């Protein structure tokens, strides 16, 4: 009663082919393959991890921590 042997799996496969037919199983296999390819493409990075995005490169390069290069209003207020 343990695991299923090769013969059990062959019988199950034959029953599935008889019920669904080879054409439908071929289409299902194709759809699953395309879904896996799409998933892999979506998970892969288009850029290397060391490359900066356009937003992080758009700074003026003087080391200022502001977005526009101008000081923020709260930076000029004395506390």
Protein backbone atom coordinates (compact mmCIF):
# COMPACT_ATOMS: atom_id res chain seq x y z
CA UNK A 1 0.00 0.00 0.00
CA UNK A 2 3.10 2.24 -0.06
CA UNK A 3 4.07 4.30 -3.08
CA UNK A 4 2.72 3.96 -6.57
CA UNK A 5 4.76 1.95 -9.02
CA UNK A 6 5.47 2.76 -12.66
CA UNK A 7 2.55 0.59 -13.78
CA UNK A 8 0.11 2.58 -11.66
CA UNK A 9 1.29 5.84 -13.24
CA UNK A 10 1.03 4.38 -16.76
CA UNK A 11 -2.55 3.32 -16.10
CA UNK A 12 -3.42 6.78 -14.75
CA UNK A 13 -1.80 8.38 -17.81
CA UNK A 14 -3.76 6.10 -20.17
CA UNK A 15 -7.04 7.00 -18.45
CA UNK A 16 -6.25 10.74 -18.63
CA UNK A 17 -5.44 10.44 -22.36
CA UNK A 18 -8.68 8.54 -22.97
CA UNK A 19 -10.75 11.14 -21.11
CA UNK A 20 -9.21 14.35 -22.46
CA UNK A 21 -7.59 13.29 -25.72
CA UNK A 22 -4.12 14.12 -26.96
CA UNK A 23 -5.07 17.41 -28.65
CA UNK A 24 -6.45 18.96 -25.46
CA UNK A 25 -3.49 17.70 -23.41
CA UNK A 26 -1.11 19.19 -25.99
CA UNK A 27 -2.86 22.56 -25.70
CA UNK A 28 -2.75 22.43 -21.90
CA UNK A 29 0.96 21.62 -21.99
CA UNK A 30 1.59 24.51 -24.37
CA UNK A 31 -0.35 26.93 -22.14
CA UNK A 32 1.52 25.80 -19.03
CA UNK A 33 4.86 26.18 -20.83
CA UNK A 34 4.01 29.71 -21.95
CA UNK A 35 2.93 30.61 -18.42
CA UNK A 36 6.23 29.35 -16.99
CA UNK A 37 8.19 31.33 -19.61
CA UNK A 38 6.20 34.46 -18.80
CA UNK A 39 6.80 33.96 -15.09
CA UNK A 40 10.54 33.53 -15.60
CA UNK A 41 10.65 36.61 -17.81
CA UNK A 42 8.78 38.62 -15.20
CA UNK A 43 11.08 37.47 -12.41
CA UNK A 44 14.32 38.14 -14.29
CA UNK A 45 15.96 41.53 -13.92
CA UNK A 46 16.32 43.50 -17.12
CA UNK A 47 19.19 45.51 -15.65
CA UNK A 48 22.25 44.30 -13.78
CA UNK A 49 21.98 44.94 -10.05
CA UNK A 50 24.85 47.47 -10.07
CA UNK A 51 23.26 49.74 -12.65
CA UNK A 52 21.43 52.79 -11.33
CA UNK A 53 17.96 53.76 -12.41
CA UNK A 54 17.31 57.01 -14.29
CA UNK A 55 15.87 58.69 -11.21
CA UNK A 56 18.92 58.05 -9.05
CA UNK A 57 21.23 59.31 -11.83
CA UNK A 58 19.30 62.55 -12.36
CA UNK A 59 20.87 64.36 -9.37
CA UNK A 60 23.17 67.30 -9.93
CA UNK A 61 26.18 65.45 -8.55
CA UNK A 62 27.25 67.95 -5.88
CA UNK A 63 26.35 65.65 -3.00
CA UNK A 64 23.29 67.67 -2.02
CA UNK A 65 20.55 65.51 -0.53
CA UNK A 66 17.70 67.46 -2.07
CA UNK A 67 15.58 66.37 -5.01
CA UNK A 68 15.61 69.60 -7.02
CA UNK A 69 19.03 70.89 -5.95
CA UNK A 70 17.40 73.63 -3.87
CA UNK A 71 17.36 73.45 -0.09
CA UNK A 72 14.11 72.38 1.47
CA UNK A 73 12.09 75.00 3.28
CA UNK A 74 12.58 73.37 6.68
CA UNK A 75 16.36 73.36 6.16
CA UNK A 76 16.44 77.16 6.23
CA UNK A 77 14.44 77.49 9.45
CA UNK A 78 16.64 77.94 12.52
CA UNK A 79 15.65 75.87 15.48
